[in-house]
Amino acid sequence: MKARLNLTIEDSLLENVKNYAAKQQQSVSELVEGYFKTVTKPSKRKNILHLVEKLDKPVIAEEADLKELYYQENAKKYGF
């Protein structure tokens, strides 16, 4: 079942949308409905924050000098 929706937008924007819809061979209603479907569709991709939270956390002493640890690791890796 379809329902009506009233939108208030700038006249110039409405003209641009009508022109775009005509080029796409769609109605303005179809464009709006498609947009709403896209916006409300659950994302198939996982949020990067959830992925980062699953990573193992490194064990680093609070008083450690992170810059020095970085250089030590790179010295091992690249031999300088």
PDB file of N, CA and C in Angstrom:
ATOM      1  N   MET A   1       0.847  -1.177   0.000  1.00  0.00           N
ATOM      2  CA  MET A   1       0.000   0.000   0.000  1.00  0.00           C
ATOM      3  C   MET A   1       0.892   1.240   0.000  1.00  0.00           C
ATOM      4  N   LYS A   2       0.565   2.161  -0.817  1.00  0.00           N
ATOM      5  CA  LYS A   2       1.323   3.408  -0.929  1.00  0.00           C
ATOM      6  C   LYS A   2       0.671   4.487  -0.071  1.00  0.00           C
ATOM      7  N   ALA A   3       1.489   5.400   0.425  1.00  0.00           N
ATOM      8  CA  ALA A   3       1.001   6.523   1.227  1.00  0.00           C
ATOM      9  C   ALA A   3       1.516   7.808   0.593  1.00  0.00           C
ATOM     10  N   ARG A   4       0.819   8.876   0.812  1.00  0.00           N
ATOM     11  CA  ARG A   4       1.227  10.177   0.281  1.00  0.00           C
ATOM     12  C   ARG A   4       2.200  10.847   1.245  1.00  0.00           C
ATOM     13  N   LEU A   5       3.114  11.634   0.656  1.00  0.00           N
ATOM     14  CA  LEU A   5       4.094  12.380   1.441  1.00  0.00           C
ATOM     15  C   LEU A   5       4.238  13.755   0.815  1.00  0.00           C
ATOM     16  N   ASN A   6       4.074  14.784   1.609  1.00  0.00           N
ATOM     17  CA  ASN A   6       4.258  16.155   1.134  1.00  0.00           C
ATOM     18  C   ASN A   6       5.623  16.659   1.574  1.00  0.00           C
ATOM     19  N   LEU A   7       6.370  17.200   0.624  1.00  0.00           N
ATOM     20  CA  LEU A   7       7.690  17.762   0.909  1.00  0.00           C
ATOM     21  C   LEU A   7       7.695  19.235   0.549  1.00  0.00           C
ATOM     22  N   THR A   8       8.435  20.006   1.294  1.00  0.00           N
ATOM     23  CA  THR A   8       8.619  21.421   0.986  1.00  0.00           C
ATOM     24  C   THR A   8      10.091  21.626   0.650  1.00  0.00           C
ATOM     25  N   ILE A   9      10.364  22.001  -0.599  1.00  0.00           N
ATOM     26  CA  ILE A   9      11.735  22.235  -1.043  1.00  0.00           C
ATOM     27  C   ILE A   9      11.763  23.487  -1.914  1.00  0.00           C
ATOM     28  N   GLU A  10      12.958  23.986  -2.174  1.00  0.00           N
ATOM     29  CA  GLU A  10      13.137  25.171  -3.015  1.00  0.00           C
ATOM     30  C   GLU A  10      12.625  24.892  -4.427  1.00  0.00           C
ATOM     31  N   ASP A  11      12.028  25.897  -5.048  1.00  0.00           N
ATOM     32  CA  ASP A  11      11.507  25.758  -6.407  1.00  0.00           C
ATOM     33  C   ASP A  11      12.593  25.327  -7.390  1.00  0.00           C
ATOM     34  N   SER A  12      13.760  25.954  -7.276  1.00  0.00           N
ATOM     35  CA  SER A  12      14.848  25.630  -8.209  1.00  0.00           C
ATOM     36  C   SER A  12      15.307  24.178  -8.041  1.00  0.00           C
ATOM     37  N   LEU A  13      15.330  23.719  -6.811  1.00  0.00           N
ATOM     38  CA  LEU A  13      15.707  22.331  -6.569  1.00  0.00           C
ATOM     39  C   LEU A  13      14.679  21.379  -7.160  1.00  0.00           C
ATOM     40  N   LEU A  14      13.413  21.710  -7.020  1.00  0.00           N
ATOM     41  CA  LEU A  14      12.354  20.874  -7.581  1.00  0.00           C
ATOM     42  C   LEU A  14      12.490  20.781  -9.097  1.00  0.00           C
ATOM     43  N   GLU A  15      12.798  21.882  -9.743  1.00  0.00           N
ATOM     44  CA  GLU A  15      12.983  21.845 -11.194  1.00  0.00           C
ATOM     45  C   GLU A  15      14.166  20.962 -11.578  1.00  0.00           C
ATOM     46  N   ASN A  16      15.254  21.084 -10.823  1.00  0.00           N
ATOM     47  CA  ASN A  16      16.431  20.246 -11.091  1.00  0.00           C
ATOM     48  C   ASN A  16      16.107  18.768 -10.888  1.00  0.00           C
ATOM     49  N   VAL A  17      15.347  18.460  -9.850  1.00  0.00           N
ATOM     50  CA  VAL A  17      14.978  17.075  -9.570  1.00  0.00           C
ATOM     51  C   VAL A  17      14.068  16.538 -10.669  1.00  0.00           C
ATOM     52  N   LYS A  18      13.127  17.347 -11.122  1.00  0.00           N
ATOM     53  CA  LYS A  18      12.228  16.913 -12.202  1.00  0.00           C
ATOM     54  C   LYS A  18      13.021  16.636 -13.480  1.00  0.00           C
ATOM     55  N   ASN A  19      13.977  17.499 -13.789  1.00  0.00           N
ATOM     56  CA  ASN A  19      14.822  17.279 -14.969  1.00  0.00           C
ATOM     57  C   ASN A  19      15.637  15.997 -14.830  1.00  0.00           C
ATOM     58  N   TYR A  20      16.207  15.802 -13.656  1.00  0.00           N
ATOM     59  CA  TYR A  20      16.991  14.585 -13.411  1.00  0.00           C
ATOM     60  C   TYR A  20      16.110  13.351 -13.532  1.00  0.00           C
ATOM     61  N   ALA A  21      14.919  13.386 -12.952  1.00  0.00           N
ATOM     62  CA  ALA A  21      13.996  12.252 -13.009  1.00  0.00           C
ATOM     63  C   ALA A  21      13.620  11.941 -14.455  1.00  0.00           C
ATOM     64  N   ALA A  22      13.392  12.964 -15.247  1.00  0.00           N
ATOM     65  CA  ALA A  22      13.043  12.752 -16.653  1.00  0.00           C
ATOM     66  C   ALA A  22      14.199  12.074 -17.400  1.00  0.00           C
ATOM     67  N   LYS A  23      15.425  12.511 -17.127  1.00  0.00           N
ATOM     68  CA  LYS A  23      16.593  11.888 -17.765  1.00  0.00           C
ATOM     69  C   LYS A  23      16.752  10.426 -17.355  1.00  0.00           C
ATOM     70  N   GLN A  24      16.368  10.119 -16.111  1.00  0.00           N
ATOM     71  CA  GLN A  24      16.470   8.751 -15.600  1.00  0.00           C
ATOM     72  C   GLN A  24      15.231   7.917 -15.954  1.00  0.00           C
ATOM     73  N   GLN A  25      14.266   8.541 -16.598  1.00  0.00           N
ATOM     74  CA  GLN A  25      12.993   7.915 -16.951  1.00  0.00           C
ATOM     75  C   GLN A  25      12.297   7.354 -15.709  1.00  0.00           C
ATOM     76  N   GLN A  26      12.265   8.168 -14.670  1.00  0.00           N
ATOM     77  CA  GLN A  26      11.605   7.839 -13.411  1.00  0.00           C
ATOM     78  C   GLN A  26      10.792   9.048 -12.965  1.00  0.00           C
ATOM     79  N   SER A  27       9.880   8.792 -12.065  1.00  0.00           N
ATOM     80  CA  SER A  27       9.148   9.906 -11.462  1.00  0.00           C
ATOM     81  C   SER A  27       9.916  10.403 -10.244  1.00  0.00           C
ATOM     82  N   VAL A  28       9.578  11.597  -9.807  1.00  0.00           N
ATOM     83  CA  VAL A  28      10.186  12.139  -8.591  1.00  0.00           C
ATOM     84  C   VAL A  28       9.854  11.229  -7.414  1.00  0.00           C
ATOM     85  N   SER A  29       8.636  10.719  -7.373  1.00  0.00           N
ATOM     86  CA  SER A  29       8.231   9.803  -6.291  1.00  0.00           C
ATOM     87  C   SER A  29       9.105   8.556  -6.274  1.00  0.00           C
ATOM     88  N   GLU A  30       9.412   8.017  -7.450  1.00  0.00           N
ATOM     89  CA  GLU A  30      10.272   6.833  -7.517  1.00  0.00           C
ATOM     90  C   GLU A  30      11.679   7.147  -7.022  1.00  0.00           C
ATOM     91  N   LEU A  31      12.184   8.329  -7.366  1.00  0.00           N
ATOM     92  CA  LEU A  31      13.506   8.730  -6.880  1.00  0.00           C
ATOM     93  C   LEU A  31      13.531   8.830  -5.360  1.00  0.00           C
ATOM     94  N   VAL A  32      12.508   9.485  -4.802  1.00  0.00           N
ATOM     95  CA  VAL A  32      12.441   9.665  -3.348  1.00  0.00           C
ATOM     96  C   VAL A  32      12.296   8.311  -2.664  1.00  0.00           C
ATOM     97  N   GLU A  33      11.429   7.455  -3.197  1.00  0.00           N
ATOM     98  CA  GLU A  33      11.238   6.130  -2.598  1.00  0.00           C
ATOM     99  C   GLU A  33      12.529   5.317  -2.653  1.00  0.00           C
ATOM    100  N   GLY A  34      13.217   5.368  -3.777  1.00  0.00           N
ATOM    101  CA  GLY A  34      14.493   4.652  -3.892  1.00  0.00           C
ATOM    102  C   GLY A  34      15.527   5.172  -2.902  1.00  0.00           C
ATOM    103  N   TYR A  35      15.564   6.491  -2.731  1.00  0.00           N
ATOM    104  CA  TYR A  35      16.501   7.084  -1.768  1.00  0.00           C
ATOM    105  C   TYR A  35      16.180   6.627  -0.350  1.00  0.00           C
ATOM    106  N   PHE A  36      14.910   6.671   0.011  1.00  0.00           N
ATOM    107  CA  PHE A  36      14.518   6.245   1.357  1.00  0.00           C
ATOM    108  C   PHE A  36      14.832   4.764   1.584  1.00  0.00           C
ATOM    109  N   LYS A  37      14.661   3.944   0.565  1.00  0.00           N
ATOM    110  CA  LYS A  37      15.004   2.516   0.696  1.00  0.00           C
ATOM    111  C   LYS A  37      16.501   2.349   0.934  1.00  0.00           C
ATOM    112  N   THR A  38      17.292   3.136   0.224  1.00  0.00           N
ATOM    113  CA  THR A  38      18.748   3.057   0.396  1.00  0.00           C
ATOM    114  C   THR A  38      19.173   3.512   1.787  1.00  0.00           C
ATOM    115  N   VAL A  39      18.591   4.587   2.255  1.00  0.00           N
ATOM    116  CA  VAL A  39      18.970   5.155   3.552  1.00  0.00           C
ATOM    117  C   VAL A  39      18.554   4.243   4.703  1.00  0.00           C
ATOM    118  N   THR A  40      17.414   3.600   4.585  1.00  0.00           N
ATOM    119  CA  THR A  40      16.900   2.802   5.704  1.00  0.00           C
ATOM    120  C   THR A  40      17.331   1.347   5.644  1.00  0.00           C
ATOM    121  N   LYS A  41      17.987   0.930   4.554  1.00  0.00           N
ATOM    122  CA  LYS A  41      18.427  -0.455   4.424  1.00  0.00           C
ATOM    123  C   LYS A  41      19.584  -0.709   5.388  1.00  0.00           C
ATOM    124  N   PRO A  42      19.522  -1.810   6.141  1.00  0.00           N
ATOM    125  CA  PRO A  42      20.649  -2.108   7.036  1.00  0.00           C
ATOM    126  C   PRO A  42      21.926  -2.350   6.226  1.00  0.00           C
ATOM    127  N   SER A  43      23.009  -1.884   6.757  1.00  0.00           N
ATOM    128  CA  SER A  43      24.288  -2.011   6.075  1.00  0.00           C
ATOM    129  C   SER A  43      24.774  -3.451   6.120  1.00  0.00           C
ATOM    130  N   LYS A  44      25.234  -3.957   4.971  1.00  0.00           N
ATOM    131  CA  LYS A  44      25.790  -5.307   4.916  1.00  0.00           C
ATOM    132  C   LYS A  44      27.227  -5.314   5.411  1.00  0.00           C
ATOM    133  N   ARG A  45      27.883  -4.170   5.269  1.00  0.00           N
ATOM    134  CA  ARG A  45      29.264  -4.068   5.721  1.00  0.00           C
ATOM    135  C   ARG A  45      29.296  -3.823   7.218  1.00  0.00           C
ATOM    136  N   LYS A  46      30.281  -4.383   7.856  1.00  0.00           N
ATOM    137  CA  LYS A  46      30.449  -4.148   9.278  1.00  0.00           C
ATOM    138  C   LYS A  46      31.082  -2.782   9.489  1.00  0.00           C
ATOM    139  N   ASN A  47      30.662  -2.140  10.538  1.00  0.00           N
ATOM    140  CA  ASN A  47      31.223  -0.850  10.898  1.00  0.00           C
ATOM    141  C   ASN A  47      32.684  -1.059  11.284  1.00  0.00           C
ATOM    142  N   ILE A  48      33.566  -0.197  10.834  1.00  0.00           N
ATOM    143  CA  ILE A  48      34.997  -0.358  11.107  1.00  0.00           C
ATOM    144  C   ILE A  48      35.296  -0.317  12.605  1.00  0.00           C
ATOM    145  N   LEU A  49      34.486   0.405  13.369  1.00  0.00           N
ATOM    146  CA  LEU A  49      34.721   0.456  14.811  1.00  0.00           C
ATOM    147  C   LEU A  49      34.524  -0.914  15.447  1.00  0.00           C
ATOM    148  N   HIS A  50      33.548  -1.670  14.960  1.00  0.00           N
ATOM    149  CA  HIS A  50      33.341  -3.011  15.489  1.00  0.00           C
ATOM    150  C   HIS A  50      34.525  -3.914  15.141  1.00  0.00           C
ATOM    151  N   LEU A  51      35.062  -3.740  13.943  1.00  0.00           N
ATOM    152  CA  LEU A  51      36.214  -4.537  13.545  1.00  0.00           C
ATOM    153  C   LEU A  51      37.443  -4.184  14.372  1.00  0.00           C
ATOM    154  N   VAL A  52      37.656  -2.913  14.637  1.00  0.00           N
ATOM    155  CA  VAL A  52      38.808  -2.475  15.424  1.00  0.00           C
ATOM    156  C   VAL A  52      38.700  -2.990  16.859  1.00  0.00           C
ATOM    157  N   GLU A  53      37.498  -2.986  17.410  1.00  0.00           N
ATOM    158  CA  GLU A  53      37.309  -3.465  18.781  1.00  0.00           C
ATOM    159  C   GLU A  53      37.658  -4.942  18.919  1.00  0.00           C
ATOM    160  N   LYS A  54      37.533  -5.715  17.832  1.00  0.00           N
ATOM    161  CA  LYS A  54      37.836  -7.148  17.882  1.00  0.00           C
ATOM    162  C   LYS A  54      39.335  -7.436  17.799  1.00  0.00           C
ATOM    163  N   LEU A  55      40.135  -6.454  17.411  1.00  0.00           N
ATOM    164  CA  LEU A  55      41.581  -6.665  17.309  1.00  0.00           C
ATOM    165  C   LEU A  55      42.192  -6.889  18.685  1.00  0.00           C
ATOM    166  N   ASP A  56      43.245  -7.710  18.713  1.00  0.00           N
ATOM    167  CA  ASP A  56      43.967  -7.914  19.966  1.00  0.00           C
ATOM    168  C   ASP A  56      44.627  -6.608  20.385  1.00  0.00           C
ATOM    169  N   LYS A  57      44.532  -6.329  21.661  1.00  0.00           N
ATOM    170  CA  LYS A  57      45.134  -5.099  22.176  1.00  0.00           C
ATOM    171  C   LYS A  57      46.578  -5.390  22.590  1.00  0.00           C
ATOM    172  N   PRO A  58      47.525  -4.554  22.164  1.00  0.00           N
ATOM    173  CA  PRO A  58      48.921  -4.795  22.519  1.00  0.00           C
ATOM    174  C   PRO A  58      49.154  -4.547  24.010  1.00  0.00           C
ATOM    175  N   VAL A  59      50.113  -5.282  24.546  1.00  0.00           N
ATOM    176  CA  VAL A  59      50.474  -5.106  25.951  1.00  0.00           C
ATOM    177  C   VAL A  59      51.660  -4.144  25.998  1.00  0.00           C
ATOM    178  N   ILE A  60      51.396  -2.932  26.452  1.00  0.00           N
ATOM    179  CA  ILE A  60      52.425  -1.895  26.528  1.00  0.00           C
ATOM    180  C   ILE A  60      52.339  -1.261  27.909  1.00  0.00           C
ATOM    181  N   ALA A  61      53.487  -1.166  28.560  1.00  0.00           N
ATOM    182  CA  ALA A  61      53.527  -0.537  29.873  1.00  0.00           C
ATOM    183  C   ALA A  61      53.129   0.931  29.757  1.00  0.00           C
ATOM    184  N   GLU A  62      52.450   1.436  30.775  1.00  0.00           N
ATOM    185  CA  GLU A  62      51.980   2.821  30.740  1.00  0.00           C
ATOM    186  C   GLU A  62      53.119   3.826  30.654  1.00  0.00           C
ATOM    187  N   GLU A  63      54.249   3.504  31.277  1.00  0.00           N
ATOM    188  CA  GLU A  63      55.367   4.435  31.275  1.00  0.00           C
ATOM    189  C   GLU A  63      56.273   4.257  30.052  1.00  0.00           C
ATOM    190  N   ALA A  64      55.921   3.385  29.134  1.00  0.00           N
ATOM    191  CA  ALA A  64      56.744   3.121  27.956  1.00  0.00           C
ATOM    192  C   ALA A  64      56.772   4.336  27.033  1.00  0.00           C
ATOM    193  N   ASP A  65      57.923   4.524  26.394  1.00  0.00           N
ATOM    194  CA  ASP A  65      58.085   5.597  25.415  1.00  0.00           C
ATOM    195  C   ASP A  65      57.683   5.032  24.048  1.00  0.00           C
ATOM    196  N   LEU A  66      56.505   5.400  23.574  1.00  0.00           N
ATOM    197  CA  LEU A  66      55.975   4.827  22.346  1.00  0.00           C
ATOM    198  C   LEU A  66      56.848   5.142  21.131  1.00  0.00           C
ATOM    199  N   LYS A  67      57.430   6.323  21.118  1.00  0.00           N
ATOM    200  CA  LYS A  67      58.294   6.695  20.001  1.00  0.00           C
ATOM    201  C   LYS A  67      59.524   5.789  19.967  1.00  0.00           C
ATOM    202  N   GLU A  68      60.107   5.540  21.127  1.00  0.00           N
ATOM    203  CA  GLU A  68      61.283   4.677  21.212  1.00  0.00           C
ATOM    204  C   GLU A  68      60.929   3.243  20.822  1.00  0.00           C
ATOM    205  N   LEU A  69      59.768   2.748  21.271  1.00  0.00           N
ATOM    206  CA  LEU A  69      59.319   1.400  20.889  1.00  0.00           C
ATOM    207  C   LEU A  69      59.121   1.301  19.377  1.00  0.00           C
ATOM    208  N   TYR A  70      58.592   2.343  18.782  1.00  0.00           N
ATOM    209  CA  TYR A  70      58.397   2.364  17.338  1.00  0.00           C
ATOM    210  C   TYR A  70      59.735   2.234  16.618  1.00  0.00           C
ATOM    211  N   TYR A  71      60.724   3.008  17.049  1.00  0.00           N
ATOM    212  CA  TYR A  71      62.029   2.955  16.404  1.00  0.00           C
ATOM    213  C   TYR A  71      62.707   1.607  16.628  1.00  0.00           C
ATOM    214  N   GLN A  72      62.550   1.022  17.789  1.00  0.00           N
ATOM    215  CA  GLN A  72      63.135  -0.292  18.069  1.00  0.00           C
ATOM    216  C   GLN A  72      62.518  -1.360  17.158  1.00  0.00           C
ATOM    217  N   GLU A  73      61.218  -1.336  16.993  1.00  0.00           N
ATOM    218  CA  GLU A  73      60.545  -2.297  16.124  1.00  0.00           C
ATOM    219  C   GLU A  73      60.986  -2.140  14.671  1.00  0.00           C
ATOM    220  N   ASN A  74      61.095  -0.909  14.217  1.00  0.00           N
ATOM    221  CA  ASN A  74      61.528  -0.677  12.849  1.00  0.00           C
ATOM    222  C   ASN A  74      63.005  -1.032  12.650  1.00  0.00           C
ATOM    223  N   ALA A  75      63.816  -0.838  13.672  1.00  0.00           N
ATOM    224  CA  ALA A  75      65.230  -1.215  13.584  1.00  0.00           C
ATOM    225  C   ALA A  75      65.330  -2.726  13.399  1.00  0.00           C
ATOM    226  N   LYS A  76      64.526  -3.495  14.117  1.00  0.00           N
ATOM    227  CA  LYS A  76      64.518  -4.960  13.953  1.00  0.00           C
ATOM    228  C   LYS A  76      64.061  -5.319  12.553  1.00  0.00           C
ATOM    229  N   LYS A  77      63.015  -4.642  12.097  1.00  0.00           N
ATOM    230  CA  LYS A  77      62.393  -4.996  10.812  1.00  0.00           C
ATOM    231  C   LYS A  77      63.288  -4.596   9.634  1.00  0.00           C
ATOM    232  N   TYR A  78      63.852  -3.398   9.677  1.00  0.00           N
ATOM    233  CA  TYR A  78      64.615  -2.895   8.534  1.00  0.00           C
ATOM    234  C   TYR A  78      66.119  -2.883   8.756  1.00  0.00           C
ATOM    235  N   GLY A  79      66.576  -3.260   9.930  1.00  0.00           N
ATOM    236  CA  GLY A  79      68.001  -3.391  10.196  1.00  0.00           C
ATOM    237  C   GLY A  79      68.790  -2.106  10.280  1.00  0.00           C
ATOM    238  N   PHE A  80      68.227  -1.082  10.912  1.00  0.00           N
ATOM    239  CA  PHE A  80      69.032   0.135  11.119  1.00  0.00           C
ATOM    240  C   PHE A  80      69.131   0.479  12.555  1.00  0.00           C
TER     241      PHE A  80
END
